[in-house]
C-alpha atoms as a PDB file:
ATOM      1  CA  MET A   1      12.062  -0.538  -5.387  1.00  0.00           C
ATOM      2  CA  PRO A   2       8.268   0.130  -4.956  1.00  0.00           C
ATOM      3  CA  CYS A   3       7.161   2.867  -2.294  1.00  0.00           C
ATOM      4  CA  SER A   4       7.201   0.942   0.914  1.00  0.00           C
ATOM      5  CA  PHE A   5       5.779   3.635   3.350  1.00  0.00           C
ATOM      6  CA  SER A   6       2.407   4.133   1.270  1.00  0.00           C
ATOM      7  CA  SER A   7       0.680   3.188  -1.857  1.00  0.00           C
ATOM      8  CA  LYS A   8      -0.224   6.804  -2.298  1.00  0.00           C
ATOM      9  CA  CYS A   9       3.618   7.763  -2.554  1.00  0.00           C
ATOM     10  CA  LYS A  10       4.324   9.904  -5.585  1.00  0.00           C
ATOM     11  CA  ILE A  11       7.523   9.498  -7.759  1.00  0.00           C
ATOM     12  CA  LEU A  12       8.717  13.121  -8.661  1.00  0.00           C
ATOM     13  CA  SER A  13      11.410  14.042 -11.189  1.00  0.00           C
ATOM     14  CA  TRP A  14      11.801  17.509  -9.524  1.00  0.00           C
ATOM     15  CA  VAL A  15      13.004  16.136  -6.095  1.00  0.00           C
ATOM     16  CA  MET A  16      16.417  14.907  -5.673  1.00  0.00           C
ATOM     17  CA  THR A  17      17.409  13.006  -3.025  1.00  0.00           C
ATOM     18  CA  VAL A  18      21.129  12.196  -1.732  1.00  0.00           C
ATOM     19  CA  SER A  19      21.519   9.918   1.290  1.00  0.00           C
ATOM     20  CA  PHE A  20      24.751   9.224   3.101  1.00  0.00           C
ATOM     21  CA  HIS A  21      24.160   6.241   5.468  1.00  0.00           C
ATOM     22  CA  LYS A  22      25.003   3.033   6.718  1.00  0.00           C
ATOM     23  CA  TYR A  23      23.747   0.077   4.569  1.00  0.00           C
ATOM     24  CA  GLY A  24      24.381  -3.777   4.443  1.00  0.00           C
ATOM     25  CA  ASP A  25      24.906  -6.702   6.888  1.00  0.00           C
ATOM     26  CA  MET A  26      21.132  -6.963   7.460  1.00  0.00           C
ATOM     27  CA  PHE A  27      21.021  -3.288   8.751  1.00  0.00           C
ATOM     28  CA  PHE A  28      17.557  -1.899   8.829  1.00  0.00           C
ATOM     29  CA  PRO A  29      15.563  -0.986   6.755  1.00  0.00           C
ATOM     30  CA  GLY A  30      17.573  -2.826   4.260  1.00  0.00           C
ATOM     31  CA  THR A  31      17.196  -0.164   1.749  1.00  0.00           C
ATOM     32  CA  GLY A  32      19.826   2.508   0.184  1.00  0.00           C
ATOM     33  CA  ASP A  33      22.248   0.211  -2.065  1.00  0.00           C
ATOM     34  CA  ALA A  34      24.312   2.460  -4.352  1.00  0.00           C
ATOM     35  CA  LYS A  35      22.326   0.867  -7.445  1.00  0.00           C
ATOM     36  CA  GLU A  36      18.957   2.372  -6.192  1.00  0.00           C
ATOM     37  CA  ILE A  37      18.707   5.463  -8.149  1.00  0.00           C
ATOM     38  CA  GLY A  38      14.871   5.940  -8.498  1.00  0.00           C
ATOM     39  CA  GLU A  39      12.250   4.455 -10.792  1.00  0.00           C
ATOM     40  CA  ARG A  40       9.911   5.736 -13.380  1.00  0.00           C
ATOM     41  CA  GLU A  41       9.834   9.362 -13.595  1.00  0.00           C
ATOM     42  CA  GLY A  42      12.303   9.513 -10.593  1.00  0.00           C
ATOM     43  CA  LYS A  43      14.971   7.495 -12.133  1.00  0.00           C
ATOM     44  CA  PHE A  44      18.328   9.343 -11.578  1.00  0.00           C
ATOM     45  CA  TYR A  45      16.663  11.520  -8.788  1.00  0.00           C
ATOM     46  CA  ALA A  46      17.995   9.493  -6.017  1.00  0.00           C
ATOM     47  CA  ILE A  47      21.649   8.977  -5.072  1.00  0.00           C
ATOM     48  CA  ASN A  48      22.546   6.560  -2.006  1.00  0.00           C
ATOM     49  CA  VAL A  49      25.939   6.603  -0.386  1.00  0.00           C
ATOM     50  CA  PRO A  50      26.518   3.730   1.613  1.00  0.00           C
ATOM     51  CA  LEU A  51      29.099   4.298   4.151  1.00  0.00           C
ATOM     52  CA  LYS A  52      31.451   1.822   6.051  1.00  0.00           C
ATOM     53  CA  ASP A  53      31.433   1.500   9.758  1.00  0.00           C
ATOM     54  CA  GLY A  54      33.862   3.969  11.496  1.00  0.00           C
ATOM     55  CA  ILE A  55      33.934   6.829   8.960  1.00  0.00           C
ATOM     56  CA  ASP A  56      35.370   9.947  10.260  1.00  0.00           C
ATOM     57  CA  ASP A  57      35.103  13.558   9.871  1.00  0.00           C
ATOM     58  CA  SER A  58      37.859  13.948   7.039  1.00  0.00           C
ATOM     59  CA  SER A  59      36.584  11.090   5.061  1.00  0.00           C
ATOM     60  CA  PHE A  60      32.734  12.013   5.173  1.00  0.00           C
ATOM     61  CA  THR A  61      33.632  15.490   4.598  1.00  0.00           C
ATOM     62  CA  ARG A  62      35.622  14.932   1.447  1.00  0.00           C
ATOM     63  CA  LEU A  63      33.007  12.354   0.293  1.00  0.00           C
ATOM     64  CA  PHE A  64      29.963  14.880   1.095  1.00  0.00           C
ATOM     65  CA  LYS A  65      31.764  17.947  -0.725  1.00  0.00           C
ATOM     66  CA  THR A  66      32.578  15.730  -3.686  1.00  0.00           C
ATOM     67  CA  ILE A  67      29.261  14.343  -4.295  1.00  0.00           C
ATOM     68  CA  ILE A  68      27.160  17.260  -3.388  1.00  0.00           C
ATOM     69  CA  SER A  69      29.240  19.770  -5.758  1.00  0.00           C
ATOM     70  CA  LYS A  70      28.575  17.427  -8.584  1.00  0.00           C
ATOM     71  CA  VAL A  71      24.968  17.110  -7.681  1.00  0.00           C
ATOM     72  CA  VAL A  72      24.348  21.079  -7.411  1.00  0.00           C
ATOM     73  CA  GLU A  73      26.345  21.296 -10.857  1.00  0.00           C
ATOM     74  CA  THR A  74      24.377  18.930 -12.728  1.00  0.00           C
ATOM     75  CA  TYR A  75      21.071  19.371 -11.335  1.00  0.00           C
ATOM     76  CA  GLN A  76      21.138  23.334 -10.232  1.00  0.00           C
ATOM     77  CA  PRO A  77      18.636  22.891  -7.230  1.00  0.00           C
ATOM     78  CA  GLY A  78      16.437  25.933  -6.402  1.00  0.00           C
ATOM     79  CA  ALA A  79      16.577  24.801  -2.567  1.00  0.00           C
ATOM     80  CA  ILE A  80      18.430  22.171  -0.508  1.00  0.00           C
ATOM     81  CA  VAL A  81      17.175  20.792   2.703  1.00  0.00           C
ATOM     82  CA  LEU A  82      19.705  19.016   4.878  1.00  0.00           C
ATOM     83  CA  GLN A  83      18.437  16.325   7.586  1.00  0.00           C
ATOM     84  CA  CYS A  84      20.885  14.564   9.769  1.00  0.00           C
ATOM     85  CA  GLY A  85      20.539  11.732  12.203  1.00  0.00           C
ATOM     86  CA  ALA A  86      22.517  12.118  15.387  1.00  0.00           C
ATOM     87  CA  ASP A  87      23.200   8.356  15.176  1.00  0.00           C
ATOM     88  CA  SER A  88      26.047   9.086  13.029  1.00  0.00           C
ATOM     89  CA  LEU A  89      27.972  10.614  15.932  1.00  0.00           C
ATOM     90  CA  ALA A  90      30.635   8.732  17.685  1.00  0.00           C
ATOM     91  CA  GLY A  91      29.609   7.293  20.817  1.00  0.00           C
ATOM     92  CA  ASP A  92      25.981   7.032  19.944  1.00  0.00           C
ATOM     93  CA  ARG A  93      24.640   3.482  20.909  1.00  0.00           C
ATOM     94  CA  LEU A  94      22.645   3.094  17.415  1.00  0.00           C
ATOM     95  CA  GLY A  95      25.590   4.284  15.219  1.00  0.00           C
ATOM     96  CA  CYS A  96      28.526   2.714  13.900  1.00  0.00           C
ATOM     97  CA  PHE A  97      30.269   5.855  12.501  1.00  0.00           C
ATOM     98  CA  ASN A  98      33.024   8.308  14.253  1.00  0.00           C
ATOM     99  CA  LEU A  99      31.966  11.575  13.307  1.00  0.00           C
ATOM    100  CA  SER A 100      32.150  14.891  15.701  1.00  0.00           C
ATOM    101  CA  ILE A 101      30.044  17.695  16.079  1.00  0.00           C
ATOM    102  CA  ASP A 102      32.812  19.633  14.897  1.00  0.00           C
ATOM    103  CA  GLY A 103      33.043  17.836  11.902  1.00  0.00           C
ATOM    104  CA  ALA A 104      29.615  18.835  10.573  1.00  0.00           C
ATOM    105  CA  TYR A 105      30.725  22.297   9.894  1.00  0.00           C
ATOM    106  CA  PHE A 106      31.496  22.737   6.114  1.00  0.00           C
ATOM    107  CA  PRO A 107      33.154  26.267   5.376  1.00  0.00           C
END
């Protein structure tokens, strides 16, 4: 997929992105299919993890730990930046997941 936010976007092979998110059913912005893995120099440096509505803390934690541990083992990053959207919390009017504040703790 071409860079959709700016014609000056750079594709980097030294930045890995892993995104856990809702995808499908005409859900904005329509990107994030598991088949979208990066392009050109950035191929294999993007992992999209589409989630089903209603995912709970236990399922999310298991999925997150499994995927992130494999990414860390494979790519051996020098730094990890975590950005979380609050619309994944249960009860959020924009969200459709069933996550709690307590579930965000990864011992």
